[in-house]
Amino acid sequence: MRSVKPGSRTSVVEVTNISKRGLWLFLRDREIFLSFDRFPWFRDAPIGAILDVHLPHPGHLHWPQLDVDLAVESIDHPERFPLVSRIRPHSSRRLAGRIDGKRGSDSRSG
C-alpha cells in the first residue's frame, strides 16, 4: 500500500484556518473564505464541529454536528442566496448537548 507524499492533502475539503472574522476552507484546488457575518452558524460553534466538514456531492458541503448544508455556489456568490435561516435563541446550548451525545431540551415545550 502506498502512502500519500508528505505535505499532500488527503481530503477533498478541509478547514485550514479559523479566525475571529471567519473560516477558510481548502476545497479541491482552492481556498475559500466564509465570513461569520454571511455565515453566522459558525460564529459560536465548537471548533471540532467546524472541522467536521464533508463533501457528500460535488458542490455540496455538509457539517453534520452543526446540521448545516451549504452549496459551494452560495459561498462563491452569496448575493444570489439570501440568508434564510436565523440562529435560534439558546441554540449553542442545544448544540453543546448534541455534541455531548445528549438531546438538547427545547425551551418552547412546556
Protein backbone atom coordinates (compact mmCIF):
# COMPACT_ATOMS: atom_id res chain seq x y z
CA MET A 1 0.00 0.00 0.00
CA ARG A 2 1.32 3.45 -0.88
CA SER A 3 1.11 6.45 1.37
CA VAL A 4 0.42 9.95 0.23
CA LYS A 5 3.54 12.08 -0.23
CA PRO A 6 4.35 14.21 2.81
CA GLY A 7 2.68 17.59 2.52
CA SER A 8 0.00 16.35 0.12
CA ARG A 9 -3.61 16.99 1.05
CA THR A 10 -5.64 13.84 1.55
CA SER A 11 -9.17 15.22 1.85
CA VAL A 12 -11.27 16.97 -0.76
CA VAL A 13 -12.41 19.59 1.76
CA GLU A 14 -10.56 20.79 4.84
CA VAL A 15 -10.82 23.71 7.25
CA THR A 16 -7.41 25.37 7.09
CA ASN A 17 -7.90 28.31 9.45
CA ILE A 18 -10.44 29.83 11.85
CA SER A 19 -10.17 33.46 12.94
CA LYS A 20 -12.41 35.93 14.74
CA ARG A 21 -13.80 37.00 11.33
CA GLY A 22 -14.48 33.66 9.71
CA LEU A 23 -13.01 30.43 8.45
CA TRP A 24 -11.04 29.25 5.46
CA LEU A 25 -11.78 26.04 3.60
CA PHE A 26 -9.46 24.29 1.20
CA LEU A 27 -11.80 22.83 -1.40
CA ARG A 28 -10.26 20.76 -4.16
CA ASP A 29 -7.60 23.12 -5.51
CA ARG A 30 -8.54 26.47 -3.95
CA GLU A 31 -9.01 28.17 -0.63
CA ILE A 32 -12.27 29.98 0.11
CA PHE A 33 -13.29 32.25 2.99
CA LEU A 34 -16.59 32.08 4.88
CA SER A 35 -17.16 35.20 6.95
CA PHE A 36 -19.14 34.88 10.15
CA ASP A 37 -21.19 37.89 9.02
CA ARG A 38 -22.50 35.99 5.99
CA PHE A 39 -22.44 32.51 7.57
CA PRO A 40 -23.40 33.09 11.23
CA TRP A 41 -23.95 29.40 12.05
CA PHE A 42 -20.21 29.01 12.56
CA ARG A 43 -19.55 32.03 14.81
CA ASP A 44 -20.16 30.34 18.18
CA ALA A 45 -19.80 26.72 17.07
CA PRO A 46 -17.22 24.46 18.73
CA ILE A 47 -14.02 24.13 16.71
CA GLY A 48 -14.40 20.36 16.46
CA ALA A 49 -17.84 20.76 14.89
CA ILE A 50 -16.50 23.27 12.35
CA LEU A 51 -13.62 20.95 11.44
CA ASP A 52 -16.07 18.09 10.79
CA VAL A 53 -16.94 19.09 7.22
CA HIS A 54 -17.78 16.71 4.38
CA LEU A 55 -18.33 16.98 0.63
CA PRO A 56 -21.06 14.37 0.05
CA HIS A 57 -21.65 15.56 -3.54
CA PRO A 58 -19.76 17.94 -5.79
CA GLY A 59 -20.81 21.45 -4.90
CA HIS A 60 -22.42 20.47 -1.56
CA LEU A 61 -20.76 20.96 1.85
CA HIS A 62 -22.15 19.35 5.00
CA TRP A 63 -21.33 19.90 8.69
CA PRO A 64 -23.21 17.04 10.42
CA GLN A 65 -22.59 18.19 14.00
CA LEU A 66 -23.98 21.64 13.17
CA ASP A 67 -26.76 20.42 10.85
CA VAL A 68 -25.52 22.91 8.23
CA ASP A 69 -25.60 22.29 4.49
CA LEU A 70 -24.19 24.81 2.02
CA ALA A 71 -23.95 24.88 -1.73
CA VAL A 72 -20.44 25.90 -2.78
CA GLU A 73 -22.11 28.34 -5.16
CA SER A 74 -23.65 30.12 -2.15
CA ILE A 75 -20.13 30.75 -0.84
CA ASP A 76 -18.85 31.93 -4.21
CA HIS A 77 -21.92 34.11 -4.88
CA PRO A 78 -23.66 34.87 -1.54
CA GLU A 79 -25.67 37.68 -3.12
CA ARG A 80 -27.62 35.05 -5.09
CA PHE A 81 -28.57 33.22 -1.89
CA PRO A 82 -30.28 35.44 0.69
CA LEU A 83 -29.85 34.33 4.28
CA VAL A 84 -32.93 32.27 5.09
CA SER A 85 -32.08 30.67 8.41
CA ARG A 86 -31.51 32.53 11.64
CA ILE A 87 -29.77 31.31 14.76
CA ARG A 88 -32.39 30.45 17.36
CA PRO A 89 -32.06 31.65 20.96
CA HIS A 90 -30.24 29.10 23.12
CA SER A 91 -29.04 27.25 20.01
CA SER A 92 -25.49 26.97 21.38
CA ARG A 93 -26.80 25.19 24.50
CA ARG A 94 -28.74 22.68 22.39
CA LEU A 95 -25.71 22.23 20.12
CA ALA A 96 -23.45 21.50 23.10
CA GLY A 97 -25.90 18.84 24.26
CA ARG A 98 -25.99 17.22 20.81
CA ILE A 99 -22.22 17.17 20.59
CA ASP A 100 -22.02 15.54 24.03
CA GLY A 101 -24.44 12.88 22.78
CA LYS A 102 -27.46 14.24 24.63
CA ARG A 103 -30.64 15.65 23.21
CA GLY A 104 -30.98 19.33 23.95
CA SER A 105 -34.12 20.38 25.75
CA ASP A 106 -36.44 22.58 23.80
CA SER A 107 -37.39 25.62 25.84
CA ARG A 108 -40.56 26.01 23.75
CA SER A 109 -42.16 22.87 25.20
CA GLY A 110 -43.83 23.38 28.38
